[in-house]
Amino acid sequence: MPDQKNRNILVSGGAGYIGSTTVRSLKAAGYHPIVIDDFSTGHREFVAGVEYVEGNVADGTLVAATVRRYGIGAAMHFASFINVGDSVKEPAEYYLNNVSSGIAFIAALQKAGVKKFILSSTCAVYGALEKPQPLNESMPIAPLNPYAHAKRMLEIVLEDFTRAYDFHAVIFRYFNAAGAAADGLTGEWHEPETHLIPNILRAALSEGKNPVRIFGNDYAVPGRDGTAVRDYIHVADLADAHIRGIGYLDENRGCHVFNLGTGDGVTVLEVIRATEKVLGLSIASEMHPRRAGDAPFLVADSGKAARLLGWRPDLSDMENIIKTAYAWENKLAALKNRNR
């Protein structure tokens, strides 16, 4: 059980997909999470029974008041826009929200005396290597799109803050978050939904009326089927890493980067086939050109997280991801029908 002074954790974007799952994991681990969210993309249903402050993370006065009110011991930052395609079309929105607001949040926390911070970042900062291989934290940084550039900019800010101040950070570079809570209370709920597995499941639920779209089948990854290769990590495993990250900062100073993935790459077509097998039905699909900013191969080497955090992606087999995500999609469809 964490000691009293470190129990209060401020979670930005805690009404979103990964943030809300992590909030529940924090509570289960004996922490007291307080969410800050403006609900522009988050959902009030996800903060039922959780203390929250409604507002924007860029509001330094609100952040400082929240730190004082709750005696915040550490902060986790999930609040950001996440659509790669949108970032290419509207980069200004991504730099304003993901960079400017993020810097304001970090600066307000540091000024208010918070010393521990965890950033939700992305494997997209690595870009596309010439040779497809698992990515470790020492690989070159070469973002391909404004979303990834924005995440990397915030990483650099944290590196500078930890050198200048008594401020310490863990940066988690996620690979592809997927799946849902086993009890069906939280899951992916984006409007519009751009992630592959929810869209595969929605295609399945539509009984062929809304085929899942595949973007590109000409990626030159040796021995694969031409569709993009990704590393899918269960959202509950991501949440577990964040709990371990807080513990790590209790003992370690500075800025620390960890990849979070399984080390197993799966193509888009392989995910569709796996879903068909789990659900016992055929799923309609249609081919489209590649999307701007997509890399052909993103697979993690998470050995550092295993060594230093004792972290393992125990829930991230594809069958469990699909089963939990499918249960959530059914619940979400019913919830949307009730809200109409």
C-alpha atoms as a PDB file:
ATOM      1  CA  MET A   1       0.000   0.000   0.000  1.00  0.00           C
ATOM      2  CA  PRO A   2       1.482   3.412  -0.932  1.00  0.00           C
ATOM      3  CA  ASP A   3       2.083   5.839   1.931  1.00  0.00           C
ATOM      4  CA  GLN A   4      -0.467   8.583   2.528  1.00  0.00           C
ATOM      5  CA  LYS A   5       1.476  11.493   1.056  1.00  0.00           C
ATOM      6  CA  ASN A   6       1.916   9.723  -2.286  1.00  0.00           C
ATOM      7  CA  ARG A   7      -1.589   8.289  -2.663  1.00  0.00           C
ATOM      8  CA  ASN A   8      -3.229  11.197  -4.464  1.00  0.00           C
ATOM      9  CA  ILE A   9      -2.603  10.955  -8.215  1.00  0.00           C
ATOM     10  CA  LEU A  10      -3.850  13.569 -10.690  1.00  0.00           C
ATOM     11  CA  VAL A  11      -4.900  11.919 -13.959  1.00  0.00           C
ATOM     12  CA  SER A  12      -5.455  14.121 -16.992  1.00  0.00           C
ATOM     13  CA  GLY A  13      -7.775  12.610 -19.575  1.00  0.00           C
ATOM     14  CA  GLY A  14      -9.044  10.152 -17.007  1.00  0.00           C
ATOM     15  CA  ALA A  15     -12.440  10.027 -18.721  1.00  0.00           C
ATOM     16  CA  GLY A  16     -10.864   8.548 -21.843  1.00  0.00           C
ATOM     17  CA  TYR A  17     -10.041   4.996 -22.884  1.00  0.00           C
ATOM     18  CA  ILE A  18      -6.606   4.315 -21.359  1.00  0.00           C
ATOM     19  CA  GLY A  19      -6.946   6.975 -18.670  1.00  0.00           C
ATOM     20  CA  SER A  20     -10.170   5.543 -17.235  1.00  0.00           C
ATOM     21  CA  THR A  21      -8.741   2.016 -17.180  1.00  0.00           C
ATOM     22  CA  THR A  22      -5.673   3.301 -15.354  1.00  0.00           C
ATOM     23  CA  VAL A  23      -7.818   5.208 -12.845  1.00  0.00           C
ATOM     24  CA  ARG A  24      -9.552   1.977 -11.873  1.00  0.00           C
ATOM     25  CA  SER A  25      -6.204   0.191 -11.582  1.00  0.00           C
ATOM     26  CA  LEU A  26      -4.901   2.991  -9.356  1.00  0.00           C
ATOM     27  CA  LYS A  27      -7.884   2.583  -7.034  1.00  0.00           C
ATOM     28  CA  ALA A  28      -7.378  -1.175  -6.888  1.00  0.00           C
ATOM     29  CA  ALA A  29      -3.709  -0.626  -5.984  1.00  0.00           C
ATOM     30  CA  GLY A  30      -4.567   1.627  -3.037  1.00  0.00           C
ATOM     31  CA  TYR A  31      -4.063   5.013  -4.661  1.00  0.00           C
ATOM     32  CA  HIS A  32      -6.552   7.890  -4.740  1.00  0.00           C
ATOM     33  CA  PRO A  33      -6.906   9.107  -8.341  1.00  0.00           C
ATOM     34  CA  ILE A  34      -8.373  12.520  -9.115  1.00  0.00           C
ATOM     35  CA  VAL A  35      -9.308  13.069 -12.747  1.00  0.00           C
ATOM     36  CA  ILE A  36      -8.982  16.352 -14.624  1.00  0.00           C
ATOM     37  CA  ASP A  37     -10.856  16.298 -17.925  1.00  0.00           C
ATOM     38  CA  ASP A  38     -12.796  18.769 -20.039  1.00  0.00           C
ATOM     39  CA  PHE A  39     -14.957  15.959 -21.507  1.00  0.00           C
ATOM     40  CA  SER A  40     -14.342  17.148 -25.060  1.00  0.00           C
ATOM     41  CA  THR A  41     -13.588  13.548 -26.011  1.00  0.00           C
ATOM     42  CA  GLY A  42     -13.927  11.758 -22.653  1.00  0.00           C
ATOM     43  CA  HIS A  43     -17.095  10.264 -21.193  1.00  0.00           C
ATOM     44  CA  ARG A  44     -18.747  11.003 -17.874  1.00  0.00           C
ATOM     45  CA  GLU A  45     -19.786   7.358 -17.649  1.00  0.00           C
ATOM     46  CA  PHE A  46     -16.095   6.504 -17.212  1.00  0.00           C
ATOM     47  CA  VAL A  47     -15.671   8.638 -14.083  1.00  0.00           C
ATOM     48  CA  ALA A  48     -18.695   7.359 -12.184  1.00  0.00           C
ATOM     49  CA  GLY A  49     -17.618   6.963  -8.559  1.00  0.00           C
ATOM     50  CA  VAL A  50     -14.352   8.838  -9.146  1.00  0.00           C
ATOM     51  CA  GLU A  51     -13.458  12.318  -7.938  1.00  0.00           C
ATOM     52  CA  TYR A  52     -12.937  14.628 -10.875  1.00  0.00           C
ATOM     53  CA  VAL A  53     -12.316  18.248 -11.757  1.00  0.00           C
ATOM     54  CA  GLU A  54     -13.906  19.490 -14.962  1.00  0.00           C
ATOM     55  CA  GLY A  55     -11.586  21.738 -16.898  1.00  0.00           C
ATOM     56  CA  ASN A  56      -8.693  21.996 -19.319  1.00  0.00           C
ATOM     57  CA  VAL A  57      -5.157  20.952 -18.421  1.00  0.00           C
ATOM     58  CA  ALA A  58      -3.884  24.204 -19.969  1.00  0.00           C
ATOM     59  CA  ASP A  59      -5.605  26.154 -17.163  1.00  0.00           C
ATOM     60  CA  GLY A  60      -2.644  26.646 -14.856  1.00  0.00           C
ATOM     61  CA  THR A  61      -4.734  28.281 -12.142  1.00  0.00           C
ATOM     62  CA  LEU A  62      -7.099  25.299 -12.039  1.00  0.00           C
ATOM     63  CA  VAL A  63      -4.222  22.800 -12.022  1.00  0.00           C
ATOM     64  CA  ALA A  64      -2.465  24.616  -9.176  1.00  0.00           C
ATOM     65  CA  ALA A  65      -5.691  24.813  -7.152  1.00  0.00           C
ATOM     66  CA  THR A  66      -6.302  21.099  -7.696  1.00  0.00           C
ATOM     67  CA  VAL A  67      -2.777  20.249  -6.530  1.00  0.00           C
ATOM     68  CA  ARG A  68      -3.272  22.306  -3.363  1.00  0.00           C
ATOM     69  CA  ARG A  69      -6.758  20.965  -2.664  1.00  0.00           C
ATOM     70  CA  TYR A  70      -5.833  17.298  -2.923  1.00  0.00           C
ATOM     71  CA  GLY A  71      -2.151  17.308  -2.000  1.00  0.00           C
ATOM     72  CA  ILE A  72      -1.200  15.679  -5.282  1.00  0.00           C
ATOM     73  CA  GLY A  73       1.827  13.366  -5.087  1.00  0.00           C
ATOM     74  CA  ALA A  74       2.184  12.549  -8.790  1.00  0.00           C
ATOM     75  CA  ALA A  75       0.465  13.135 -12.126  1.00  0.00           C
ATOM     76  CA  MET A  76      -0.296  11.059 -15.204  1.00  0.00           C
ATOM     77  CA  HIS A  77      -0.971  12.736 -18.542  1.00  0.00           C
ATOM     78  CA  PHE A  78      -3.343  11.024 -20.996  1.00  0.00           C
ATOM     79  CA  ALA A  79      -5.171  14.076 -22.365  1.00  0.00           C
ATOM     80  CA  SER A  80      -4.326  14.399 -26.049  1.00  0.00           C
ATOM     81  CA  PHE A  81      -5.738  14.065 -29.535  1.00  0.00           C
ATOM     82  CA  ILE A  82      -4.877  10.661 -31.031  1.00  0.00           C
ATOM     83  CA  ASN A  83      -5.890  10.522 -34.699  1.00  0.00           C
ATOM     84  CA  VAL A  84      -2.846  10.350 -36.993  1.00  0.00           C
ATOM     85  CA  GLY A  85      -4.857  11.192 -40.119  1.00  0.00           C
ATOM     86  CA  ASP A  86      -6.436  14.230 -38.487  1.00  0.00           C
ATOM     87  CA  SER A  87      -3.013  15.423 -37.368  1.00  0.00           C
ATOM     88  CA  VAL A  88      -1.854  15.431 -40.984  1.00  0.00           C
ATOM     89  CA  LYS A  89      -4.932  17.411 -42.072  1.00  0.00           C
ATOM     90  CA  GLU A  90      -5.038  19.796 -39.088  1.00  0.00           C
ATOM     91  CA  PRO A  91      -1.556  19.986 -37.533  1.00  0.00           C
ATOM     92  CA  ALA A  92      -2.330  23.271 -35.761  1.00  0.00           C
ATOM     93  CA  GLU A  93      -4.931  21.571 -33.570  1.00  0.00           C
ATOM     94  CA  TYR A  94      -2.470  18.866 -32.567  1.00  0.00           C
ATOM     95  CA  TYR A  95       0.357  21.237 -31.716  1.00  0.00           C
ATOM     96  CA  LEU A  96      -1.959  23.492 -29.719  1.00  0.00           C
ATOM     97  CA  ASN A  97      -3.668  20.690 -27.794  1.00  0.00           C
ATOM     98  CA  ASN A  98      -0.952  18.074 -27.474  1.00  0.00           C
ATOM     99  CA  VAL A  99       2.084  20.334 -27.136  1.00  0.00           C
ATOM    100  CA  SER A 100       1.026  23.761 -25.857  1.00  0.00           C
ATOM    101  CA  SER A 101      -1.558  22.432 -23.409  1.00  0.00           C
ATOM    102  CA  GLY A 102       0.796  19.662 -22.325  1.00  0.00           C
ATOM    103  CA  ILE A 103       3.590  22.128 -21.574  1.00  0.00           C
ATOM    104  CA  ALA A 104       1.191  24.327 -19.605  1.00  0.00           C
ATOM    105  CA  PHE A 105       0.086  21.307 -17.562  1.00  0.00           C
ATOM    106  CA  ILE A 106       3.638  20.165 -16.813  1.00  0.00           C
ATOM    107  CA  ALA A 107       4.767  23.686 -15.917  1.00  0.00           C
ATOM    108  CA  ALA A 108       1.824  24.236 -13.562  1.00  0.00           C
ATOM    109  CA  LEU A 109       2.472  20.919 -11.826  1.00  0.00           C
ATOM    110  CA  GLN A 110       6.173  21.627 -11.366  1.00  0.00           C
ATOM    111  CA  LYS A 111       5.515  25.126 -10.048  1.00  0.00           C
ATOM    112  CA  ALA A 112       2.931  23.729  -7.607  1.00  0.00           C
ATOM    113  CA  GLY A 113       5.467  21.279  -6.187  1.00  0.00           C
ATOM    114  CA  VAL A 114       4.523  18.005  -7.910  1.00  0.00           C
ATOM    115  CA  LYS A 115       7.712  16.032  -8.534  1.00  0.00           C
ATOM    116  CA  LYS A 116       6.596  12.836 -10.303  1.00  0.00           C
ATOM    117  CA  PHE A 117       5.033  12.654 -13.740  1.00  0.00           C
ATOM    118  CA  ILE A 118       4.090   9.915 -16.206  1.00  0.00           C
ATOM    119  CA  LEU A 119       3.557  10.698 -19.877  1.00  0.00           C
ATOM    120  CA  SER A 120       1.403   8.703 -22.258  1.00  0.00           C
ATOM    121  CA  SER A 121       3.542   8.748 -25.409  1.00  0.00           C
ATOM    122  CA  THR A 122       3.696   6.610 -28.538  1.00  0.00           C
ATOM    123  CA  CYS A 123       5.843   4.230 -30.542  1.00  0.00           C
ATOM    124  CA  ALA A 124       5.109   6.490 -33.524  1.00  0.00           C
ATOM    125  CA  VAL A 125       8.079   8.653 -32.472  1.00  0.00           C
ATOM    126  CA  TYR A 126      10.364   6.009 -34.005  1.00  0.00           C
ATOM    127  CA  GLY A 127       8.935   6.428 -37.498  1.00  0.00           C
ATOM    128  CA  ALA A 128       9.793   3.738 -40.045  1.00  0.00           C
ATOM    129  CA  LEU A 129      13.112   1.894 -39.945  1.00  0.00           C
ATOM    130  CA  GLU A 130      14.640   0.668 -43.183  1.00  0.00           C
ATOM    131  CA  LYS A 131      14.724  -2.879 -41.788  1.00  0.00           C
ATOM    132  CA  PRO A 132      11.591  -4.130 -39.971  1.00  0.00           C
ATOM    133  CA  GLN A 133      12.693  -5.124 -36.467  1.00  0.00           C
ATOM    134  CA  PRO A 134      11.462  -4.795 -32.877  1.00  0.00           C
ATOM    135  CA  LEU A 135      12.038  -1.288 -31.577  1.00  0.00           C
ATOM    136  CA  ASN A 136      13.956  -0.588 -28.387  1.00  0.00           C
ATOM    137  CA  GLU A 137      14.395   2.697 -26.592  1.00  0.00           C
ATOM    138  CA  SER A 138      17.814   3.370 -28.170  1.00  0.00           C
ATOM    139  CA  MET A 139      16.477   3.309 -31.730  1.00  0.00           C
ATOM    140  CA  PRO A 140      16.610   6.540 -33.797  1.00  0.00           C
ATOM    141  CA  ILE A 141      13.732   8.989 -33.363  1.00  0.00           C
ATOM    142  CA  ALA A 142      12.123   9.958 -36.691  1.00  0.00           C
ATOM    143  CA  PRO A 143       8.405  10.854 -36.409  1.00  0.00           C
ATOM    144  CA  LEU A 144       6.391  10.597 -39.635  1.00  0.00           C
ATOM    145  CA  ASN A 145       3.368  12.772 -38.786  1.00  0.00           C
ATOM    146  CA  PRO A 146       2.314  15.746 -36.631  1.00  0.00           C
ATOM    147  CA  TYR A 147       0.760  13.461 -33.991  1.00  0.00           C
ATOM    148  CA  ALA A 148       4.116  11.744 -33.460  1.00  0.00           C
ATOM    149  CA  HIS A 149       6.050  15.015 -33.674  1.00  0.00           C
ATOM    150  CA  ALA A 150       3.812  16.484 -30.971  1.00  0.00           C
ATOM    151  CA  LYS A 151       4.402  13.529 -28.650  1.00  0.00           C
ATOM    152  CA  ARG A 152       8.145  13.770 -29.189  1.00  0.00           C
ATOM    153  CA  MET A 153       8.102  17.496 -28.450  1.00  0.00           C
ATOM    154  CA  LEU A 154       6.504  16.823 -25.081  1.00  0.00           C
ATOM    155  CA  GLU A 155       9.099  14.131 -24.378  1.00  0.00           C
ATOM    156  CA  ILE A 156      11.837  16.710 -25.004  1.00  0.00           C
ATOM    157  CA  VAL A 157      10.124  19.153 -22.638  1.00  0.00           C
ATOM    158  CA  LEU A 158      10.147  16.500 -19.919  1.00  0.00           C
ATOM    159  CA  GLU A 159      13.815  15.705 -20.535  1.00  0.00           C
ATOM    160  CA  ASP A 160      14.656  19.390 -20.060  1.00  0.00           C
ATOM    161  CA  PHE A 161      12.425  19.761 -16.977  1.00  0.00           C
ATOM    162  CA  THR A 162      14.035  16.783 -15.260  1.00  0.00           C
ATOM    163  CA  ARG A 163      17.495  18.253 -15.889  1.00  0.00           C
ATOM    164  CA  ALA A 164      16.552  21.713 -14.599  1.00  0.00           C
ATOM    165  CA  TYR A 165      14.204  20.975 -11.680  1.00  0.00           C
ATOM    166  CA  ASP A 166      13.492  18.527  -8.889  1.00  0.00           C
ATOM    167  CA  PHE A 167      11.014  16.906 -11.261  1.00  0.00           C
ATOM    168  CA  HIS A 168      11.113  13.283 -12.415  1.00  0.00           C
ATOM    169  CA  ALA A 169       9.338  11.496 -15.220  1.00  0.00           C
ATOM    170  CA  VAL A 170       8.543   8.179 -16.835  1.00  0.00           C
ATOM    171  CA  ILE A 171       7.686   8.245 -20.536  1.00  0.00           C
ATOM    172  CA  PHE A 172       5.701   5.256 -21.785  1.00  0.00           C
ATOM    173  CA  ARG A 173       5.799   4.722 -25.531  1.00  0.00           C
ATOM    174  CA  TYR A 174       2.699   2.664 -26.209  1.00  0.00           C
ATOM    175  CA  PHE A 175       2.331   0.370 -29.133  1.00  0.00           C
ATOM    176  CA  ASN A 176      -1.288  -0.377 -30.197  1.00  0.00           C
ATOM    177  CA  ALA A 177      -3.635  -0.206 -27.208  1.00  0.00           C
ATOM    178  CA  ALA A 178      -6.543  -2.618 -27.552  1.00  0.00           C
ATOM    179  CA  GLY A 179      -9.085  -4.655 -25.603  1.00  0.00           C
ATOM    180  CA  ALA A 180     -11.382  -3.605 -22.778  1.00  0.00           C
ATOM    181  CA  ALA A 181     -11.902  -4.081 -19.055  1.00  0.00           C
ATOM    182  CA  ALA A 182     -12.819  -7.662 -18.185  1.00  0.00           C
ATOM    183  CA  ASP A 183     -15.942  -6.470 -16.342  1.00  0.00           C
ATOM    184  CA  GLY A 184     -17.118  -4.498 -19.367  1.00  0.00           C
ATOM    185  CA  LEU A 185     -17.207  -1.122 -17.602  1.00  0.00           C
ATOM    186  CA  THR A 186     -14.680   0.658 -19.840  1.00  0.00           C
ATOM    187  CA  GLY A 187     -13.378   0.259 -23.371  1.00  0.00           C
ATOM    188  CA  GLU A 188     -12.655   2.127 -26.595  1.00  0.00           C
ATOM    189  CA  TRP A 189     -15.183   4.873 -27.223  1.00  0.00           C
ATOM    190  CA  HIS A 190     -13.926   7.314 -29.805  1.00  0.00           C
ATOM    191  CA  GLU A 191     -16.047   9.466 -32.106  1.00  0.00           C
ATOM    192  CA  PRO A 192     -15.229   8.790 -34.862  1.00  0.00           C
ATOM    193  CA  GLU A 193     -13.541   5.458 -34.228  1.00  0.00           C
ATOM    194  CA  THR A 194     -10.343   5.005 -36.234  1.00  0.00           C
ATOM    195  CA  HIS A 195      -8.713   2.068 -34.442  1.00  0.00           C
ATOM    196  CA  LEU A 196      -8.628  -1.278 -36.188  1.00  0.00           C
ATOM    197  CA  ILE A 197     -10.067  -3.761 -33.697  1.00  0.00           C
ATOM    198  CA  PRO A 198     -13.211  -1.767 -32.785  1.00  0.00           C
ATOM    199  CA  ASN A 199     -13.858  -1.229 -36.472  1.00  0.00           C
ATOM    200  CA  ILE A 200     -13.421  -4.932 -37.214  1.00  0.00           C
ATOM    201  CA  LEU A 201     -15.933  -5.709 -34.475  1.00  0.00           C
ATOM    202  CA  ARG A 202     -18.371  -3.098 -35.742  1.00  0.00           C
ATOM    203  CA  ALA A 203     -18.105  -4.639 -39.195  1.00  0.00           C
ATOM    204  CA  ALA A 204     -18.924  -7.992 -37.612  1.00  0.00           C
ATOM    205  CA  LEU A 205     -21.910  -6.572 -35.718  1.00  0.00           C
ATOM    206  CA  SER A 206     -23.202  -4.912 -38.890  1.00  0.00           C
ATOM    207  CA  GLU A 207     -23.475  -8.333 -40.590  1.00  0.00           C
ATOM    208  CA  GLY A 208     -21.650  -7.145 -43.684  1.00  0.00           C
ATOM    209  CA  LYS A 209     -23.364  -3.763 -44.037  1.00  0.00           C
ATOM    210  CA  ASN A 210     -20.277  -1.805 -42.938  1.00  0.00           C
ATOM    211  CA  PRO A 211     -17.095  -3.553 -44.140  1.00  0.00           C
ATOM    212  CA  VAL A 212     -13.895  -2.859 -42.248  1.00  0.00           C
ATOM    213  CA  ARG A 213     -11.542  -0.674 -44.265  1.00  0.00           C
ATOM    214  CA  ILE A 214      -7.950  -1.829 -44.790  1.00  0.00           C
ATOM    215  CA  PHE A 215      -5.495   0.960 -45.609  1.00  0.00           C
ATOM    216  CA  GLY A 216      -2.773  -0.427 -47.845  1.00  0.00           C
ATOM    217  CA  ASN A 217      -1.720  -3.930 -48.853  1.00  0.00           C
ATOM    218  CA  ASP A 218       1.604  -3.022 -50.448  1.00  0.00           C
ATOM    219  CA  TYR A 219       3.844  -2.662 -47.387  1.00  0.00           C
ATOM    220  CA  ALA A 220       7.134  -4.433 -48.095  1.00  0.00           C
ATOM    221  CA  VAL A 221       7.541  -6.413 -44.875  1.00  0.00           C
ATOM    222  CA  PRO A 222       9.265  -9.707 -45.718  1.00  0.00           C
ATOM    223  CA  GLY A 223       7.200 -12.830 -45.133  1.00  0.00           C
ATOM    224  CA  ARG A 224       3.982 -10.926 -44.363  1.00  0.00           C
ATOM    225  CA  ASP A 225       0.795 -10.333 -46.333  1.00  0.00           C
ATOM    226  CA  GLY A 226       1.394  -6.718 -47.394  1.00  0.00           C
ATOM    227  CA  THR A 227      -0.796  -5.062 -44.766  1.00  0.00           C
ATOM    228  CA  ALA A 228       0.724  -3.023 -41.937  1.00  0.00           C
ATOM    229  CA  VAL A 229       2.226  -4.874 -38.967  1.00  0.00           C
ATOM    230  CA  ARG A 230       1.398  -3.717 -35.446  1.00  0.00           C
ATOM    231  CA  ASP A 231       1.960  -4.829 -31.850  1.00  0.00           C
ATOM    232  CA  TYR A 232      -1.339  -4.979 -29.915  1.00  0.00           C
ATOM    233  CA  ILE A 233      -1.213  -4.472 -26.156  1.00  0.00           C
ATOM    234  CA  HIS A 234      -4.167  -4.926 -23.828  1.00  0.00           C
ATOM    235  CA  VAL A 235      -5.248  -1.723 -22.128  1.00  0.00           C
ATOM    236  CA  ALA A 236      -5.190  -3.427 -18.713  1.00  0.00           C
ATOM    237  CA  ASP A 237      -1.515  -4.284 -19.234  1.00  0.00           C
ATOM    238  CA  LEU A 238      -0.843  -0.623 -20.052  1.00  0.00           C
ATOM    239  CA  ALA A 239      -2.594   0.402 -16.839  1.00  0.00           C
ATOM    240  CA  ASP A 240      -0.455  -2.036 -14.858  1.00  0.00           C
ATOM    241  CA  ALA A 241       2.685  -0.455 -16.282  1.00  0.00           C
ATOM    242  CA  HIS A 242       1.575   2.960 -15.009  1.00  0.00           C
ATOM    243  CA  ILE A 243       1.188   1.642 -11.475  1.00  0.00           C
ATOM    244  CA  ARG A 244       4.697   0.239 -11.717  1.00  0.00           C
ATOM    245  CA  GLY A 245       5.905   3.549 -13.143  1.00  0.00           C
ATOM    246  CA  ILE A 246       4.759   5.429 -10.039  1.00  0.00           C
ATOM    247  CA  GLY A 247       6.654   2.952  -7.865  1.00  0.00           C
ATOM    248  CA  TYR A 248       9.720   3.325 -10.062  1.00  0.00           C
ATOM    249  CA  LEU A 249       9.731   7.097  -9.575  1.00  0.00           C
ATOM    250  CA  ASP A 250       9.607   6.598  -5.816  1.00  0.00           C
ATOM    251  CA  GLU A 251      13.141   5.205  -6.116  1.00  0.00           C
ATOM    252  CA  ASN A 252      14.595   6.778  -9.284  1.00  0.00           C
ATOM    253  CA  ARG A 253      15.259  10.360 -10.313  1.00  0.00           C
ATOM    254  CA  GLY A 254      15.468  11.858 -13.792  1.00  0.00           C
ATOM    255  CA  CYS A 255      13.653  10.941 -17.001  1.00  0.00           C
ATOM    256  CA  HIS A 256      13.094   7.313 -18.010  1.00  0.00           C
ATOM    257  CA  VAL A 257      11.674   5.942 -21.262  1.00  0.00           C
ATOM    258  CA  PHE A 258       9.973   2.550 -21.626  1.00  0.00           C
ATOM    259  CA  ASN A 259       8.380   0.820 -24.604  1.00  0.00           C
ATOM    260  CA  LEU A 260       5.151  -1.044 -23.868  1.00  0.00           C
ATOM    261  CA  GLY A 261       4.224  -3.845 -26.269  1.00  0.00           C
ATOM    262  CA  THR A 262       4.249  -7.623 -26.606  1.00  0.00           C
ATOM    263  CA  GLY A 263       7.054  -8.087 -29.126  1.00  0.00           C
ATOM    264  CA  ASP A 264       4.688  -9.907 -31.494  1.00  0.00           C
ATOM    265  CA  GLY A 265       3.717  -8.225 -34.740  1.00  0.00           C
ATOM    266  CA  VAL A 266       0.321  -8.943 -36.295  1.00  0.00           C
ATOM    267  CA  THR A 267      -0.856  -7.760 -39.717  1.00  0.00           C
ATOM    268  CA  VAL A 268      -4.225  -6.165 -40.351  1.00  0.00           C
ATOM    269  CA  LEU A 269      -5.403  -9.246 -42.232  1.00  0.00           C
ATOM    270  CA  GLU A 270      -4.195 -11.503 -39.417  1.00  0.00           C
ATOM    271  CA  VAL A 271      -6.243  -9.521 -36.898  1.00  0.00           C
ATOM    272  CA  ILE A 272      -9.330  -9.903 -39.095  1.00  0.00           C
ATOM    273  CA  ARG A 273      -8.767 -13.664 -39.403  1.00  0.00           C
ATOM    274  CA  ALA A 274      -8.215 -13.987 -35.640  1.00  0.00           C
ATOM    275  CA  THR A 275     -11.471 -12.128 -34.985  1.00  0.00           C
ATOM    276  CA  GLU A 276     -13.334 -14.373 -37.397  1.00  0.00           C
ATOM    277  CA  LYS A 277     -11.988 -17.394 -35.529  1.00  0.00           C
ATOM    278  CA  VAL A 278     -12.933 -16.056 -32.086  1.00  0.00           C
ATOM    279  CA  LEU A 279     -16.422 -14.978 -33.149  1.00  0.00           C
ATOM    280  CA  GLY A 280     -17.074 -17.846 -35.534  1.00  0.00           C
ATOM    281  CA  LEU A 281     -18.213 -15.698 -38.434  1.00  0.00           C
ATOM    282  CA  SER A 282     -16.987 -14.031 -41.622  1.00  0.00           C
ATOM    283  CA  ILE A 283     -16.106 -10.328 -41.588  1.00  0.00           C
ATOM    284  CA  ALA A 284     -16.461  -8.171 -44.691  1.00  0.00           C
ATOM    285  CA  SER A 285     -13.557  -5.890 -45.634  1.00  0.00           C
ATOM    286  CA  GLU A 286     -12.567  -3.488 -48.379  1.00  0.00           C
ATOM    287  CA  MET A 287      -9.157  -2.249 -49.515  1.00  0.00           C
ATOM    288  CA  HIS A 288      -8.174   1.426 -49.564  1.00  0.00           C
ATOM    289  CA  PRO A 289      -4.911   3.270 -50.315  1.00  0.00           C
ATOM    290  CA  ARG A 290      -2.380   3.789 -47.559  1.00  0.00           C
ATOM    291  CA  ARG A 291      -3.030   6.591 -45.096  1.00  0.00           C
ATOM    292  CA  ALA A 292      -0.543   9.447 -44.893  1.00  0.00           C
ATOM    293  CA  GLY A 293       1.846   9.067 -41.967  1.00  0.00           C
ATOM    294  CA  ASP A 294       1.425   5.314 -41.399  1.00  0.00           C
ATOM    295  CA  ALA A 295       4.548   3.199 -40.812  1.00  0.00           C
ATOM    296  CA  PRO A 296       4.714  -0.333 -42.258  1.00  0.00           C
ATOM    297  CA  PHE A 297       6.041  -2.059 -39.114  1.00  0.00           C
ATOM    298  CA  LEU A 298       5.769  -1.085 -35.437  1.00  0.00           C
ATOM    299  CA  VAL A 299       6.645  -3.854 -32.973  1.00  0.00           C
ATOM    300  CA  ALA A 300       8.089  -3.401 -29.480  1.00  0.00           C
ATOM    301  CA  ASP A 301      11.158  -4.620 -27.734  1.00  0.00           C
ATOM    302  CA  SER A 302       9.883  -4.193 -24.151  1.00  0.00           C
ATOM    303  CA  GLY A 303      12.833  -5.823 -22.460  1.00  0.00           C
ATOM    304  CA  LYS A 304      13.679  -2.672 -20.509  1.00  0.00           C
ATOM    305  CA  ALA A 305      10.203  -2.549 -18.929  1.00  0.00           C
ATOM    306  CA  ALA A 306      10.514  -6.222 -18.039  1.00  0.00           C
ATOM    307  CA  ARG A 307      13.935  -5.752 -16.423  1.00  0.00           C
ATOM    308  CA  LEU A 308      13.396  -2.505 -14.539  1.00  0.00           C
ATOM    309  CA  LEU A 309       9.651  -2.511 -13.831  1.00  0.00           C
ATOM    310  CA  GLY A 310       9.005  -6.255 -13.612  1.00  0.00           C
ATOM    311  CA  TRP A 311       6.277  -5.707 -16.200  1.00  0.00           C
ATOM    312  CA  ARG A 312       4.785  -8.416 -18.386  1.00  0.00           C
ATOM    313  CA  PRO A 313       1.905  -8.104 -20.913  1.00  0.00           C
ATOM    314  CA  ASP A 314       0.075 -11.077 -19.408  1.00  0.00           C
ATOM    315  CA  LEU A 315      -3.380 -10.134 -20.755  1.00  0.00           C
ATOM    316  CA  SER A 316      -2.335  -9.265 -24.288  1.00  0.00           C
ATOM    317  CA  ASP A 317      -2.900 -12.471 -26.222  1.00  0.00           C
ATOM    318  CA  MET A 318      -5.033 -11.684 -29.265  1.00  0.00           C
ATOM    319  CA  GLU A 319      -7.918 -13.914 -28.201  1.00  0.00           C
ATOM    320  CA  ASN A 320      -8.320 -12.085 -24.887  1.00  0.00           C
ATOM    321  CA  ILE A 321      -8.057  -8.706 -26.601  1.00  0.00           C
ATOM    322  CA  ILE A 322     -10.786  -9.638 -29.074  1.00  0.00           C
ATOM    323  CA  LYS A 323     -13.098 -11.217 -26.496  1.00  0.00           C
ATOM    324  CA  THR A 324     -12.958  -8.267 -24.094  1.00  0.00           C
ATOM    325  CA  ALA A 325     -13.261  -5.734 -26.912  1.00  0.00           C
ATOM    326  CA  TYR A 326     -16.256  -7.598 -28.358  1.00  0.00           C
ATOM    327  CA  ALA A 327     -18.062  -7.632 -25.009  1.00  0.00           C
ATOM    328  CA  TRP A 328     -17.468  -3.896 -24.731  1.00  0.00           C
ATOM    329  CA  GLU A 329     -18.676  -3.178 -28.292  1.00  0.00           C
ATOM    330  CA  ASN A 330     -21.950  -4.942 -27.537  1.00  0.00           C
ATOM    331  CA  LYS A 331     -22.382  -2.901 -24.364  1.00  0.00           C
ATOM    332  CA  LEU A 332     -21.442   0.325 -26.151  1.00  0.00           C
ATOM    333  CA  ALA A 333     -24.010  -0.295 -28.887  1.00  0.00           C
ATOM    334  CA  ALA A 334     -26.718  -0.726 -26.249  1.00  0.00           C
ATOM    335  CA  LEU A 335     -25.539   2.383 -24.401  1.00  0.00           C
ATOM    336  CA  LYS A 336     -25.674   4.497 -27.550  1.00  0.00           C
ATOM    337  CA  ASN A 337     -29.182   3.249 -28.283  1.00  0.00           C
ATOM    338  CA  ARG A 338     -30.334   4.281 -24.792  1.00  0.00           C
ATOM    339  CA  ASN A 339     -28.803   7.745 -25.205  1.00  0.00           C
ATOM    340  CA  ARG A 340     -30.591   8.458 -28.493  1.00  0.00           C
END
